[in-house]
Amino acid sequence: MKTNKGPVIILVSALILWLSFLPYFYEVFFSKLFYMPFVGTVAAIVANITPAAAGIIYFPILTHLSVAPVTVAQFNLAIQAYGMGLGTFRWFLFNRNLFLFNLLPICMLGGFLGEIVSIVVFPIKNPELLTLIFNFIAFAFTQIIFFSILRNAKYPNARLNLTLSTGTVLFGFAFIGGLMCGWIGFGIDTLFYFIMTLVFKINPAVSIVTSIALMAAMSISGTVLNAVFHDVPLALWYSAIPGVTIGGLFLATYIAVKMGAKNILLLFTFFLSTDFFVTLWTQQTLPMSETLRKIIIYLLVFYLLAIHIKIFRSQSKRMEVSMGNFDLAEEPKIEPAPAKTK
C-alpha cells in the first residue's frame, strides 16, 4: 500500500493555522481550556471508530465542568464537522467500499430537515432531559447488541438497495436523528448504525464508517444553521483542534484495525453504557434520591460486568466466526441484492 501524504499535509496545514490564531485565544486557552486537546484526541478516536459521535465524550465532560448544555451542543456540531470530516476523508482513502453512498442523500435530507426544526423552529435551552432519553434508548439498544452476540447473530449484507420502503424508513429515522443533532449535537449516527445492523443486517464495519460520514455531513449543516441563527463557541472549538486533528487523521484508523471488530463493537457499547451512567448520575431532571440513584447505577454496573464475562467466556469463538465479515482491514464481501419482483 502506497503511503498517502494527504493526511500529513492536512496536519501540518492545520497546526500552522492553529498557531497563527493562537494570539487571539492565548489567554482563554492556557487559563481555562488547556485540557481540550487531550479530550479532543480521545473524542476523535471514539467518533471515528464507533458509531458514537464525539459528543458522547464531550457532553458529559463539559457539562460536568459547568459549560451550559446548549453551548456544548453547539460545540459538538462544530468540532464534529471538522473532526469527523477528517475521519471520513481518512476512511475514504483507506477503503471507499466501506461507504453506503446510495443511502447518504436521503439520510442527509431527512437529517437536515430535522436540524432545521430543532435549531431554527423549536430550539431548547436545556437539553438534559432529551440527553437522558437518548442515552436510555441507546443503552437499551446495547442490550440488543449483547444478546445478538450471544445468539450468534449474522450480518450477511454489505449493500442495501434504496426502495420506497427502505427510503421511507431511513428518512424517518434520519429526521429523528436530525432533531437530536440540533438539540444535543449528536445522535443520527447511532440511530443509523442500529437501523442498518438490527433491521437490514448490514455489515457492522460498513454501517460504522457510513454513520461517520453521515454525522460529519450533519455536523457541517448544523454548524452553519447555528452560525446563522444562534452561536458557535469558537474558543472551545479552537482549543480542541490539535487533538482532534491527530486523533481523526492518524490514531483512529490505526486503532480500529489493531483492535479488531469484536473489540470495537464492545468498546462502542461500553461508551454508550458509561455515558448513560454519567448522565443518570449527574442529571437533576428526574426527581430521584441519591441513594436510589446509586442503587440503580450499581445494579447496572454489576449486570454489565456479568454479561461481558459471559460473552468473553462462552461466546468468543462463535462471535469471531459469526462476525468474520466485520473487519475494517479487509474488503467487505459485496453481493448484489436480489432484484425485487413487481
C-alpha atoms as a PDB file:
ATOM      1  CA  MET A   1       0.000   0.000   0.000  1.00  0.00           C
ATOM      2  CA  LYS A   2       1.409   3.354  -1.012  1.00  0.00           C
ATOM      3  CA  THR A   3       1.901   5.958   1.667  1.00  0.00           C
ATOM      4  CA  ASN A   4      -0.543   8.811   1.206  1.00  0.00           C
ATOM      5  CA  LYS A   5       0.861  12.232   2.037  1.00  0.00           C
ATOM      6  CA  GLY A   6      -2.562  13.878   2.187  1.00  0.00           C
ATOM      7  CA  PRO A   7      -3.095  13.395   5.954  1.00  0.00           C
ATOM      8  CA  VAL A   8       0.400  14.725   6.726  1.00  0.00           C
ATOM      9  CA  ILE A   9      -0.200  17.808   4.580  1.00  0.00           C
ATOM     10  CA  ILE A  10      -3.521  18.429   6.324  1.00  0.00           C
ATOM     11  CA  LEU A  11      -1.904  18.011   9.748  1.00  0.00           C
ATOM     12  CA  VAL A  12       0.895  20.476   9.012  1.00  0.00           C
ATOM     13  CA  SER A  13      -1.515  22.993   7.482  1.00  0.00           C
ATOM     14  CA  ALA A  14      -3.932  22.714  10.426  1.00  0.00           C
ATOM     15  CA  LEU A  15      -1.182  23.203  13.006  1.00  0.00           C
ATOM     16  CA  ILE A  16       0.242  26.222  11.145  1.00  0.00           C
ATOM     17  CA  LEU A  17      -3.209  27.827  11.024  1.00  0.00           C
ATOM     18  CA  TRP A  18      -3.817  26.946  14.676  1.00  0.00           C
ATOM     19  CA  LEU A  19      -0.568  28.616  15.754  1.00  0.00           C
ATOM     20  CA  SER A  20      -1.323  31.675  13.645  1.00  0.00           C
ATOM     21  CA  PHE A  21      -4.591  32.213  15.554  1.00  0.00           C
ATOM     22  CA  LEU A  22      -3.075  31.483  18.973  1.00  0.00           C
ATOM     23  CA  PRO A  23      -2.667  35.206  19.878  1.00  0.00           C
ATOM     24  CA  TYR A  24      -6.468  35.610  19.692  1.00  0.00           C
ATOM     25  CA  PHE A  25      -7.154  32.692  22.054  1.00  0.00           C
ATOM     26  CA  TYR A  26      -3.957  32.652  24.112  1.00  0.00           C
ATOM     27  CA  GLU A  27      -5.433  33.781  27.432  1.00  0.00           C
ATOM     28  CA  VAL A  28      -8.559  31.604  27.489  1.00  0.00           C
ATOM     29  CA  PHE A  29      -6.704  28.568  26.133  1.00  0.00           C
ATOM     30  CA  PHE A  30      -3.914  28.493  28.723  1.00  0.00           C
ATOM     31  CA  SER A  31      -6.062  29.621  31.651  1.00  0.00           C
ATOM     32  CA  LYS A  32      -9.263  27.613  31.153  1.00  0.00           C
ATOM     33  CA  LEU A  33      -9.201  25.291  28.139  1.00  0.00           C
ATOM     34  CA  PHE A  34      -5.716  23.756  28.231  1.00  0.00           C
ATOM     35  CA  TYR A  35      -7.225  20.261  28.665  1.00  0.00           C
ATOM     36  CA  MET A  36      -9.242  20.371  25.428  1.00  0.00           C
ATOM     37  CA  PRO A  37      -6.544  18.958  23.080  1.00  0.00           C
ATOM     38  CA  PHE A  38      -6.402  15.797  25.212  1.00  0.00           C
ATOM     39  CA  VAL A  39     -10.190  15.483  25.379  1.00  0.00           C
ATOM     40  CA  GLY A  40     -10.308  16.167  21.632  1.00  0.00           C
ATOM     41  CA  THR A  41      -7.904  13.327  20.888  1.00  0.00           C
ATOM     42  CA  VAL A  42      -9.980  10.781  22.796  1.00  0.00           C
ATOM     43  CA  ALA A  43     -13.243  12.081  21.364  1.00  0.00           C
ATOM     44  CA  ALA A  44     -11.920  11.982  17.780  1.00  0.00           C
ATOM     45  CA  ILE A  45     -10.754   8.391  18.186  1.00  0.00           C
ATOM     46  CA  VAL A  46     -14.116   7.284  19.592  1.00  0.00           C
ATOM     47  CA  ALA A  47     -16.031   9.225  16.928  1.00  0.00           C
ATOM     48  CA  ASN A  48     -14.070   7.713  14.053  1.00  0.00           C
ATOM     49  CA  ILE A  49     -14.005   4.051  15.072  1.00  0.00           C
ATOM     50  CA  THR A  50     -17.507   3.645  16.537  1.00  0.00           C
ATOM     51  CA  PRO A  51     -20.997   4.833  15.553  1.00  0.00           C
ATOM     52  CA  ALA A  52     -20.925   7.195  18.536  1.00  0.00           C
ATOM     53  CA  ALA A  53     -20.153  10.824  17.708  1.00  0.00           C
ATOM     54  CA  ALA A  54     -17.596  12.835  19.644  1.00  0.00           C
ATOM     55  CA  GLY A  55     -20.446  14.441  21.558  1.00  0.00           C
ATOM     56  CA  ILE A  56     -20.800  11.272  23.596  1.00  0.00           C
ATOM     57  CA  ILE A  57     -17.419  12.190  25.125  1.00  0.00           C
ATOM     58  CA  TYR A  58     -17.739  15.968  25.157  1.00  0.00           C
ATOM     59  CA  PHE A  59     -21.261  16.240  26.559  1.00  0.00           C
ATOM     60  CA  PRO A  60     -20.771  14.609  29.995  1.00  0.00           C
ATOM     61  CA  ILE A  61     -17.270  16.082  30.466  1.00  0.00           C
ATOM     62  CA  LEU A  62     -18.078  19.677  29.535  1.00  0.00           C
ATOM     63  CA  THR A  63     -21.431  19.819  31.305  1.00  0.00           C
ATOM     64  CA  HIS A  64     -19.698  18.435  34.406  1.00  0.00           C
ATOM     65  CA  LEU A  65     -17.248  21.342  34.058  1.00  0.00           C
ATOM     66  CA  SER A  66     -20.204  23.763  34.161  1.00  0.00           C
ATOM     67  CA  VAL A  67     -20.401  24.523  30.440  1.00  0.00           C
ATOM     68  CA  ALA A  68     -24.036  25.205  29.500  1.00  0.00           C
ATOM     69  CA  PRO A  69     -25.643  22.191  27.751  1.00  0.00           C
ATOM     70  CA  VAL A  70     -26.834  24.329  24.823  1.00  0.00           C
ATOM     71  CA  THR A  71     -23.252  25.594  24.335  1.00  0.00           C
ATOM     72  CA  VAL A  72     -21.948  22.028  24.426  1.00  0.00           C
ATOM     73  CA  ALA A  73     -24.491  21.000  21.783  1.00  0.00           C
ATOM     74  CA  GLN A  74     -23.355  23.843  19.512  1.00  0.00           C
ATOM     75  CA  PHE A  75     -19.719  22.948  20.141  1.00  0.00           C
ATOM     76  CA  ASN A  76     -20.371  19.260  19.424  1.00  0.00           C
ATOM     77  CA  LEU A  77     -21.621  20.025  15.931  1.00  0.00           C
ATOM     78  CA  ALA A  78     -18.804  22.474  15.188  1.00  0.00           C
ATOM     79  CA  ILE A  79     -15.969  20.214  16.294  1.00  0.00           C
ATOM     80  CA  GLN A  80     -17.520  17.125  14.680  1.00  0.00           C
ATOM     81  CA  ALA A  81     -17.818  18.996  11.395  1.00  0.00           C
ATOM     82  CA  TYR A  82     -14.036  19.229  11.486  1.00  0.00           C
ATOM     83  CA  GLY A  83     -13.031  16.022  13.256  1.00  0.00           C
ATOM     84  CA  MET A  84     -15.469  13.581  11.669  1.00  0.00           C
ATOM     85  CA  GLY A  85     -14.938  15.319   8.338  1.00  0.00           C
ATOM     86  CA  LEU A  86     -11.247  14.447   8.653  1.00  0.00           C
ATOM     87  CA  GLY A  87     -12.187  10.935   9.723  1.00  0.00           C
ATOM     88  CA  THR A  88     -14.459  10.491   6.712  1.00  0.00           C
ATOM     89  CA  PHE A  89     -11.648  11.619   4.423  1.00  0.00           C
ATOM     90  CA  ARG A  90      -9.243   9.203   6.115  1.00  0.00           C
ATOM     91  CA  TRP A  91     -11.628   6.256   5.817  1.00  0.00           C
ATOM     92  CA  PHE A  92     -12.285   7.114   2.165  1.00  0.00           C
ATOM     93  CA  LEU A  93      -8.554   6.916   1.488  1.00  0.00           C
ATOM     94  CA  PHE A  94      -8.324   3.695   3.471  1.00  0.00           C
ATOM     95  CA  ASN A  95     -11.271   1.800   1.946  1.00  0.00           C
ATOM     96  CA  ARG A  96     -14.036   3.537  -0.006  1.00  0.00           C
ATOM     97  CA  ASN A  97     -16.034   0.292  -0.231  1.00  0.00           C
ATOM     98  CA  LEU A  98     -16.994   0.796   3.422  1.00  0.00           C
ATOM     99  CA  PHE A  99     -19.397   3.609   2.416  1.00  0.00           C
ATOM    100  CA  LEU A 100     -23.061   3.162   1.505  1.00  0.00           C
ATOM    101  CA  PHE A 101     -23.058   6.124  -0.878  1.00  0.00           C
ATOM    102  CA  ASN A 102     -26.534   5.408  -2.259  1.00  0.00           C
ATOM    103  CA  LEU A 103     -28.137   5.875   1.181  1.00  0.00           C
ATOM    104  CA  LEU A 104     -26.418   9.100   2.187  1.00  0.00           C
ATOM    105  CA  PRO A 105     -28.538  11.601   0.164  1.00  0.00           C
ATOM    106  CA  ILE A 106     -31.898  10.502   1.604  1.00  0.00           C
ATOM    107  CA  CYS A 107     -30.455  10.320   5.129  1.00  0.00           C
ATOM    108  CA  MET A 108     -28.811  13.735   4.802  1.00  0.00           C
ATOM    109  CA  LEU A 109     -32.076  15.267   3.557  1.00  0.00           C
ATOM    110  CA  GLY A 110     -34.071  13.836   6.458  1.00  0.00           C
ATOM    111  CA  GLY A 111     -31.389  14.829   8.955  1.00  0.00           C
ATOM    112  CA  PHE A 112     -31.133  18.372   7.604  1.00  0.00           C
ATOM    113  CA  LEU A 113     -34.892  18.906   7.855  1.00  0.00           C
ATOM    114  CA  GLY A 114     -34.738  17.614  11.427  1.00  0.00           C
ATOM    115  CA  GLU A 115     -31.942  20.074  12.212  1.00  0.00           C
ATOM    116  CA  ILE A 116     -33.953  22.977  10.817  1.00  0.00           C
ATOM    117  CA  VAL A 117     -36.828  22.085  13.152  1.00  0.00           C
ATOM    118  CA  SER A 118     -34.634  21.642  16.239  1.00  0.00           C
ATOM    119  CA  ILE A 119     -32.234  24.551  15.661  1.00  0.00           C
ATOM    120  CA  VAL A 120     -34.434  27.143  13.979  1.00  0.00           C
ATOM    121  CA  VAL A 121     -38.082  26.360  14.821  1.00  0.00           C
ATOM    122  CA  PHE A 122     -38.001  24.673  18.241  1.00  0.00           C
ATOM    123  CA  PRO A 123     -34.616  25.259  19.908  1.00  0.00           C
ATOM    124  CA  ILE A 124     -34.368  24.234  23.572  1.00  0.00           C
ATOM    125  CA  LYS A 125     -32.149  25.872  26.167  1.00  0.00           C
ATOM    126  CA  ASN A 126     -31.562  22.892  28.452  1.00  0.00           C
ATOM    127  CA  PRO A 127     -31.403  19.511  26.694  1.00  0.00           C
ATOM    128  CA  GLU A 128     -30.702  17.446  29.831  1.00  0.00           C
ATOM    129  CA  LEU A 129     -33.965  15.513  29.648  1.00  0.00           C
ATOM    130  CA  LEU A 130     -33.554  14.812  25.922  1.00  0.00           C
ATOM    131  CA  THR A 131     -29.991  13.628  26.546  1.00  0.00           C
ATOM    132  CA  LEU A 132     -31.206  11.260  29.242  1.00  0.00           C
ATOM    133  CA  ILE A 133     -33.919   9.905  26.931  1.00  0.00           C
ATOM    134  CA  PHE A 134     -31.388   9.395  24.130  1.00  0.00           C
ATOM    135  CA  ASN A 135     -28.950   7.656  26.465  1.00  0.00           C
ATOM    136  CA  PHE A 136     -31.701   5.422  27.806  1.00  0.00           C
ATOM    137  CA  ILE A 137     -32.700   4.388  24.267  1.00  0.00           C
ATOM    138  CA  ALA A 138     -29.061   3.847  23.276  1.00  0.00           C
ATOM    139  CA  PHE A 139     -28.477   1.795  26.430  1.00  0.00           C
ATOM    140  CA  ALA A 140     -31.485  -0.353  25.545  1.00  0.00           C
ATOM    141  CA  PHE A 141     -30.053  -0.874  22.052  1.00  0.00           C
ATOM    142  CA  THR A 142     -26.727  -2.002  23.537  1.00  0.00           C
ATOM    143  CA  GLN A 143     -28.580  -4.824  25.231  1.00  0.00           C
ATOM    144  CA  ILE A 144     -29.874  -5.874  21.821  1.00  0.00           C
ATOM    145  CA  ILE A 145     -26.256  -5.950  20.624  1.00  0.00           C
ATOM    146  CA  PHE A 146     -25.212  -8.084  23.592  1.00  0.00           C
ATOM    147  CA  PHE A 147     -27.940 -10.632  23.033  1.00  0.00           C
ATOM    148  CA  SER A 148     -27.389 -10.666  19.270  1.00  0.00           C
ATOM    149  CA  ILE A 149     -23.774 -11.616  20.053  1.00  0.00           C
ATOM    150  CA  LEU A 150     -24.917 -14.344  22.414  1.00  0.00           C
ATOM    151  CA  ARG A 151     -27.364 -15.605  19.775  1.00  0.00           C
ATOM    152  CA  ASN A 152     -24.585 -15.726  17.185  1.00  0.00           C
ATOM    153  CA  ALA A 153     -26.312 -13.095  15.007  1.00  0.00           C
ATOM    154  CA  LYS A 154     -25.079 -12.755  11.436  1.00  0.00           C
ATOM    155  CA  TYR A 155     -24.713  -9.656   9.254  1.00  0.00           C
ATOM    156  CA  PRO A 156     -24.634 -11.019   5.695  1.00  0.00           C
ATOM    157  CA  ASN A 157     -25.291  -7.832   3.714  1.00  0.00           C
ATOM    158  CA  ALA A 158     -22.756  -5.253   2.564  1.00  0.00           C
ATOM    159  CA  ARG A 159     -25.164  -3.204   0.442  1.00  0.00           C
ATOM    160  CA  LEU A 160     -28.798  -2.086   0.605  1.00  0.00           C
ATOM    161  CA  ASN A 161     -30.978  -1.205  -2.368  1.00  0.00           C
ATOM    162  CA  LEU A 162     -32.811   2.098  -1.958  1.00  0.00           C
ATOM    163  CA  THR A 163     -36.505   1.378  -2.488  1.00  0.00           C
ATOM    164  CA  LEU A 164     -39.625   3.277  -1.479  1.00  0.00           C
ATOM    165  CA  SER A 165     -39.963   1.283   1.744  1.00  0.00           C
ATOM    166  CA  THR A 166     -36.294   1.426   2.767  1.00  0.00           C
ATOM    167  CA  GLY A 167     -36.105   5.090   1.778  1.00  0.00           C
ATOM    168  CA  THR A 168     -39.147   5.907   3.924  1.00  0.00           C
ATOM    169  CA  VAL A 169     -37.683   4.111   6.941  1.00  0.00           C
ATOM    170  CA  LEU A 170     -34.303   5.785   6.545  1.00  0.00           C
ATOM    171  CA  PHE A 171     -35.818   9.231   6.000  1.00  0.00           C
ATOM    172  CA  GLY A 172     -37.983   8.906   9.112  1.00  0.00           C
ATOM    173  CA  PHE A 173     -35.154   7.831  11.377  1.00  0.00           C
ATOM    174  CA  ALA A 174     -32.823  10.405   9.821  1.00  0.00           C
ATOM    175  CA  PHE A 175     -35.368  13.119  10.626  1.00  0.00           C
ATOM    176  CA  ILE A 176     -35.469  11.976  14.258  1.00  0.00           C
ATOM    177  CA  GLY A 177     -31.674  11.846  14.274  1.00  0.00           C
ATOM    178  CA  GLY A 178     -31.535  15.365  12.848  1.00  0.00           C
ATOM    179  CA  LEU A 179     -33.770  16.601  15.658  1.00  0.00           C
ATOM    180  CA  MET A 180     -31.391  15.093  18.183  1.00  0.00           C
ATOM    181  CA  CYS A 181     -28.362  16.568  16.420  1.00  0.00           C
ATOM    182  CA  GLY A 182     -29.849  20.034  16.678  1.00  0.00           C
ATOM    183  CA  TRP A 183     -30.761  19.633  20.338  1.00  0.00           C
ATOM    184  CA  ILE A 184     -27.786  17.721  21.791  1.00  0.00           C
ATOM    185  CA  GLY A 185     -25.190  17.773  18.993  1.00  0.00           C
ATOM    186  CA  PHE A 186     -25.183  14.070  18.050  1.00  0.00           C
ATOM    187  CA  GLY A 187     -27.467  11.065  17.629  1.00  0.00           C
ATOM    188  CA  ILE A 188     -28.144  10.447  13.940  1.00  0.00           C
ATOM    189  CA  ASP A 189     -25.031   8.290  13.552  1.00  0.00           C
ATOM    190  CA  THR A 190     -26.035   5.943  16.373  1.00  0.00           C
ATOM    191  CA  LEU A 191     -29.599   5.612  15.086  1.00  0.00           C
ATOM    192  CA  PHE A 192     -28.310   4.914  11.565  1.00  0.00           C
ATOM    193  CA  TYR A 193     -25.979   2.197  12.851  1.00  0.00           C
ATOM    194  CA  PHE A 194     -28.726   0.423  14.749  1.00  0.00           C
ATOM    195  CA  ILE A 195     -31.138   0.589  11.810  1.00  0.00           C
ATOM    196  CA  MET A 196     -28.505  -0.786   9.445  1.00  0.00           C
ATOM    197  CA  THR A 197     -27.388  -3.673  11.644  1.00  0.00           C
ATOM    198  CA  LEU A 198     -30.540  -4.637  13.515  1.00  0.00           C
ATOM    199  CA  VAL A 199     -33.139  -4.095  10.774  1.00  0.00           C
ATOM    200  CA  PHE A 200     -31.258  -4.558   7.498  1.00  0.00           C
ATOM    201  CA  LYS A 201     -28.431  -6.853   8.764  1.00  0.00           C
ATOM    202  CA  ILE A 202     -25.764  -4.712   7.120  1.00  0.00           C
ATOM    203  CA  ASN A 203     -22.115  -5.469   7.838  1.00  0.00           C
ATOM    204  CA  PRO A 204     -21.211  -3.508  11.027  1.00  0.00           C
ATOM    205  CA  ALA A 205     -17.966  -2.195   9.530  1.00  0.00           C
ATOM    206  CA  VAL A 206     -19.873  -0.688   6.607  1.00  0.00           C
ATOM    207  CA  SER A 207     -22.534   0.663   8.969  1.00  0.00           C
ATOM    208  CA  ILE A 208     -19.965   2.315  11.239  1.00  0.00           C
ATOM    209  CA  VAL A 209     -17.994   4.077   8.508  1.00  0.00           C
ATOM    210  CA  THR A 210     -21.142   5.268   6.714  1.00  0.00           C
ATOM    211  CA  SER A 211     -22.534   6.563  10.014  1.00  0.00           C
ATOM    212  CA  ILE A 212     -19.336   8.586  10.483  1.00  0.00           C
ATOM    213  CA  ALA A 213     -19.776  10.207   7.076  1.00  0.00           C
ATOM    214  CA  LEU A 214     -23.447  10.945   7.809  1.00  0.00           C
ATOM    215  CA  MET A 215     -22.630  12.532  11.172  1.00  0.00           C
ATOM    216  CA  ALA A 216     -19.903  14.641   9.547  1.00  0.00           C
ATOM    217  CA  ALA A 217     -22.377  15.987   6.988  1.00  0.00           C
ATOM    218  CA  MET A 218     -24.997  16.712   9.654  1.00  0.00           C
ATOM    219  CA  SER A 219     -22.397  18.444  11.825  1.00  0.00           C
ATOM    220  CA  ILE A 220     -21.454  20.755   8.958  1.00  0.00           C
ATOM    221  CA  SER A 221     -25.061  21.685   8.169  1.00  0.00           C
ATOM    222  CA  GLY A 222     -25.904  22.064  11.873  1.00  0.00           C
ATOM    223  CA  THR A 223     -22.908  24.335  12.444  1.00  0.00           C
ATOM    224  CA  VAL A 224     -23.983  26.550   9.541  1.00  0.00           C
ATOM    225  CA  LEU A 225     -27.502  26.800  10.992  1.00  0.00           C
ATOM    226  CA  ASN A 226     -26.134  27.645  14.453  1.00  0.00           C
ATOM    227  CA  ALA A 227     -23.815  30.275  12.983  1.00  0.00           C
ATOM    228  CA  VAL A 228     -26.745  31.929  11.214  1.00  0.00           C
ATOM    229  CA  PHE A 229     -29.406  31.693  13.937  1.00  0.00           C
ATOM    230  CA  HIS A 230     -27.569  31.222  17.238  1.00  0.00           C
ATOM    231  CA  ASP A 231     -23.884  30.972  18.103  1.00  0.00           C
ATOM    232  CA  VAL A 232     -20.745  28.838  17.709  1.00  0.00           C
ATOM    233  CA  PRO A 233     -18.352  28.646  20.717  1.00  0.00           C
ATOM    234  CA  LEU A 234     -15.147  29.416  18.844  1.00  0.00           C
ATOM    235  CA  ALA A 235     -12.819  29.271  21.874  1.00  0.00           C
ATOM    236  CA  LEU A 236     -13.859  25.708  22.719  1.00  0.00           C
ATOM    237  CA  TRP A 237     -13.616  24.712  19.063  1.00  0.00           C
ATOM    238  CA  TYR A 238     -10.174  26.245  18.661  1.00  0.00           C
ATOM    239  CA  SER A 239      -8.851  24.595  21.820  1.00  0.00           C
ATOM    240  CA  ALA A 240      -9.791  21.091  20.684  1.00  0.00           C
ATOM    241  CA  ILE A 241      -8.381  21.330  17.146  1.00  0.00           C
ATOM    242  CA  PRO A 242      -4.837  19.903  17.738  1.00  0.00           C
ATOM    243  CA  GLY A 243      -6.087  16.740  19.446  1.00  0.00           C
ATOM    244  CA  VAL A 244      -8.947  16.244  17.009  1.00  0.00           C
ATOM    245  CA  THR A 245      -6.602  16.604  14.026  1.00  0.00           C
ATOM    246  CA  ILE A 246      -4.159  13.993  15.295  1.00  0.00           C
ATOM    247  CA  GLY A 247      -6.858  11.614  16.513  1.00  0.00           C
ATOM    248  CA  GLY A 248      -9.025  11.861  13.405  1.00  0.00           C
ATOM    249  CA  LEU A 249      -6.263  11.656  10.818  1.00  0.00           C
ATOM    250  CA  PHE A 250      -3.897   9.094  12.305  1.00  0.00           C
ATOM    251  CA  LEU A 251      -4.906   7.344  15.508  1.00  0.00           C
ATOM    252  CA  ALA A 252      -8.497   6.324  14.715  1.00  0.00           C
ATOM    253  CA  THR A 253      -7.919   4.083  11.677  1.00  0.00           C
ATOM    254  CA  TYR A 254      -4.752   2.614  13.218  1.00  0.00           C
ATOM    255  CA  ILE A 255      -6.513   1.700  16.471  1.00  0.00           C
ATOM    256  CA  ALA A 256      -9.574   0.398  14.622  1.00  0.00           C
ATOM    257  CA  VAL A 257      -7.530  -2.054  12.550  1.00  0.00           C
ATOM    258  CA  LYS A 258      -5.398  -3.124  15.511  1.00  0.00           C
ATOM    259  CA  MET A 259      -8.330  -3.645  17.878  1.00  0.00           C
ATOM    260  CA  GLY A 260     -10.436  -5.739  15.537  1.00  0.00           C
ATOM    261  CA  ALA A 261     -14.168  -5.950  15.008  1.00  0.00           C
ATOM    262  CA  LYS A 262     -15.205  -7.616  18.250  1.00  0.00           C
ATOM    263  CA  ASN A 263     -13.376  -5.184  20.474  1.00  0.00           C
ATOM    264  CA  ILE A 264     -14.676  -2.149  18.572  1.00  0.00           C
ATOM    265  CA  LEU A 265     -18.253  -3.303  18.973  1.00  0.00           C
ATOM    266  CA  LEU A 266     -17.776  -3.897  22.695  1.00  0.00           C
ATOM    267  CA  LEU A 267     -15.974  -0.555  23.032  1.00  0.00           C
ATOM    268  CA  PHE A 268     -18.974   1.145  21.456  1.00  0.00           C
ATOM    269  CA  THR A 269     -21.403  -0.480  23.873  1.00  0.00           C
ATOM    270  CA  PHE A 270     -19.068   0.400  26.749  1.00  0.00           C
ATOM    271  CA  PHE A 271     -19.107   4.097  25.839  1.00  0.00           C
ATOM    272  CA  LEU A 272     -22.880   4.145  25.447  1.00  0.00           C
ATOM    273  CA  SER A 273     -23.291   2.451  28.825  1.00  0.00           C
ATOM    274  CA  THR A 274     -20.774   4.748  30.520  1.00  0.00           C
ATOM    275  CA  ASP A 275     -22.422   7.832  29.076  1.00  0.00           C
ATOM    276  CA  PHE A 276     -25.777   6.593  30.332  1.00  0.00           C
ATOM    277  CA  PHE A 277     -24.342   6.076  33.822  1.00  0.00           C
ATOM    278  CA  VAL A 278     -22.714   9.515  33.892  1.00  0.00           C
ATOM    279  CA  THR A 279     -25.900  11.202  32.702  1.00  0.00           C
ATOM    280  CA  LEU A 280     -28.040   9.311  35.203  1.00  0.00           C
ATOM    281  CA  TRP A 281     -25.600  10.183  37.986  1.00  0.00           C
ATOM    282  CA  THR A 282     -25.241  13.899  37.230  1.00  0.00           C
ATOM    283  CA  GLN A 283     -28.613  14.973  35.833  1.00  0.00           C
ATOM    284  CA  GLN A 284     -31.203  16.563  38.057  1.00  0.00           C
ATOM    285  CA  THR A 285     -34.138  16.328  35.658  1.00  0.00           C
ATOM    286  CA  LEU A 286     -35.704  13.229  37.192  1.00  0.00           C
ATOM    287  CA  PRO A 287     -36.737  13.515  40.840  1.00  0.00           C
ATOM    288  CA  MET A 288     -34.683  10.794  42.480  1.00  0.00           C
ATOM    289  CA  SER A 289     -32.863  10.440  45.770  1.00  0.00           C
ATOM    290  CA  GLU A 290     -29.101   9.961  45.729  1.00  0.00           C
ATOM    291  CA  THR A 291     -29.466   6.580  47.432  1.00  0.00           C
ATOM    292  CA  LEU A 292     -31.878   5.275  44.793  1.00  0.00           C
ATOM    293  CA  ARG A 293     -29.697   6.720  42.035  1.00  0.00           C
ATOM    294  CA  LYS A 294     -26.622   4.886  43.374  1.00  0.00           C
ATOM    295  CA  ILE A 295     -28.503   1.612  43.803  1.00  0.00           C
ATOM    296  CA  ILE A 296     -29.699   1.716  40.175  1.00  0.00           C
ATOM    297  CA  ILE A 297     -26.230   2.506  38.839  1.00  0.00           C
ATOM    298  CA  TYR A 298     -24.524  -0.195  40.933  1.00  0.00           C
ATOM    299  CA  LEU A 299     -27.052  -2.788  39.761  1.00  0.00           C
ATOM    300  CA  LEU A 300     -26.495  -1.797  36.132  1.00  0.00           C
ATOM    301  CA  VAL A 301     -22.707  -1.964  36.563  1.00  0.00           C
ATOM    302  CA  PHE A 302     -22.898  -5.470  38.044  1.00  0.00           C
ATOM    303  CA  TYR A 303     -25.225  -6.507  35.240  1.00  0.00           C
ATOM    304  CA  LEU A 304     -22.826  -5.254  32.572  1.00  0.00           C
ATOM    305  CA  LEU A 305     -19.866  -6.965  34.225  1.00  0.00           C
ATOM    306  CA  ALA A 306     -21.776 -10.237  34.293  1.00  0.00           C
ATOM    307  CA  ILE A 307     -22.840 -10.085  30.661  1.00  0.00           C
ATOM    308  CA  HIS A 308     -19.322  -9.137  29.491  1.00  0.00           C
ATOM    309  CA  ILE A 309     -17.864 -12.082  31.385  1.00  0.00           C
ATOM    310  CA  LYS A 310     -20.447 -14.350  29.772  1.00  0.00           C
ATOM    311  CA  ILE A 311     -19.587 -13.019  26.323  1.00  0.00           C
ATOM    312  CA  PHE A 312     -15.826 -13.412  26.743  1.00  0.00           C
ATOM    313  CA  ARG A 313     -16.007 -16.847  28.371  1.00  0.00           C
ATOM    314  CA  SER A 314     -18.573 -18.704  26.323  1.00  0.00           C
ATOM    315  CA  GLN A 315     -19.081 -16.864  23.052  1.00  0.00           C
ATOM    316  CA  SER A 316     -15.735 -15.518  21.849  1.00  0.00           C
ATOM    317  CA  LYS A 317     -15.096 -18.269  19.289  1.00  0.00           C
ATOM    318  CA  ARG A 318     -18.640 -18.195  17.957  1.00  0.00           C
ATOM    319  CA  MET A 319     -18.514 -14.421  17.718  1.00  0.00           C
ATOM    320  CA  GLU A 320     -15.329 -14.473  15.666  1.00  0.00           C
ATOM    321  CA  VAL A 321     -16.985 -16.863  13.226  1.00  0.00           C
ATOM    322  CA  SER A 322     -20.322 -15.050  13.054  1.00  0.00           C
ATOM    323  CA  MET A 323     -18.724 -11.630  12.632  1.00  0.00           C
ATOM    324  CA  GLY A 324     -15.873 -12.704  10.417  1.00  0.00           C
ATOM    325  CA  ASN A 325     -17.033 -10.286   7.702  1.00  0.00           C
ATOM    326  CA  PHE A 326     -16.911  -7.396  10.164  1.00  0.00           C
ATOM    327  CA  ASP A 327     -13.288  -6.462   9.553  1.00  0.00           C
ATOM    328  CA  LEU A 328     -12.237  -2.888   8.912  1.00  0.00           C
ATOM    329  CA  ALA A 329      -8.927  -4.039   7.477  1.00  0.00           C
ATOM    330  CA  GLU A 330     -10.472  -6.159   4.730  1.00  0.00           C
ATOM    331  CA  GLU A 331     -12.722  -5.519   1.777  1.00  0.00           C
ATOM    332  CA  PRO A 332     -16.368  -6.277   2.647  1.00  0.00           C
ATOM    333  CA  LYS A 333     -17.885  -9.005   0.552  1.00  0.00           C
ATOM    334  CA  ILE A 334     -20.317  -7.193  -1.707  1.00  0.00           C
ATOM    335  CA  GLU A 335     -23.063  -9.262  -3.218  1.00  0.00           C
ATOM    336  CA  PRO A 336     -25.789  -7.652  -5.290  1.00  0.00           C
ATOM    337  CA  ALA A 337     -29.146  -7.705  -3.567  1.00  0.00           C
ATOM    338  CA  PRO A 338     -31.742  -9.864  -5.306  1.00  0.00           C
ATOM    339  CA  ALA A 339     -33.998  -7.949  -7.666  1.00  0.00           C
ATOM    340  CA  LYS A 340     -37.481  -7.406  -6.324  1.00  0.00           C
ATOM    341  CA  THR A 341     -40.393  -8.733  -8.317  1.00  0.00           C
ATOM    342  CA  LYS A 342     -43.130  -6.290  -9.028  1.00  0.00           C
END
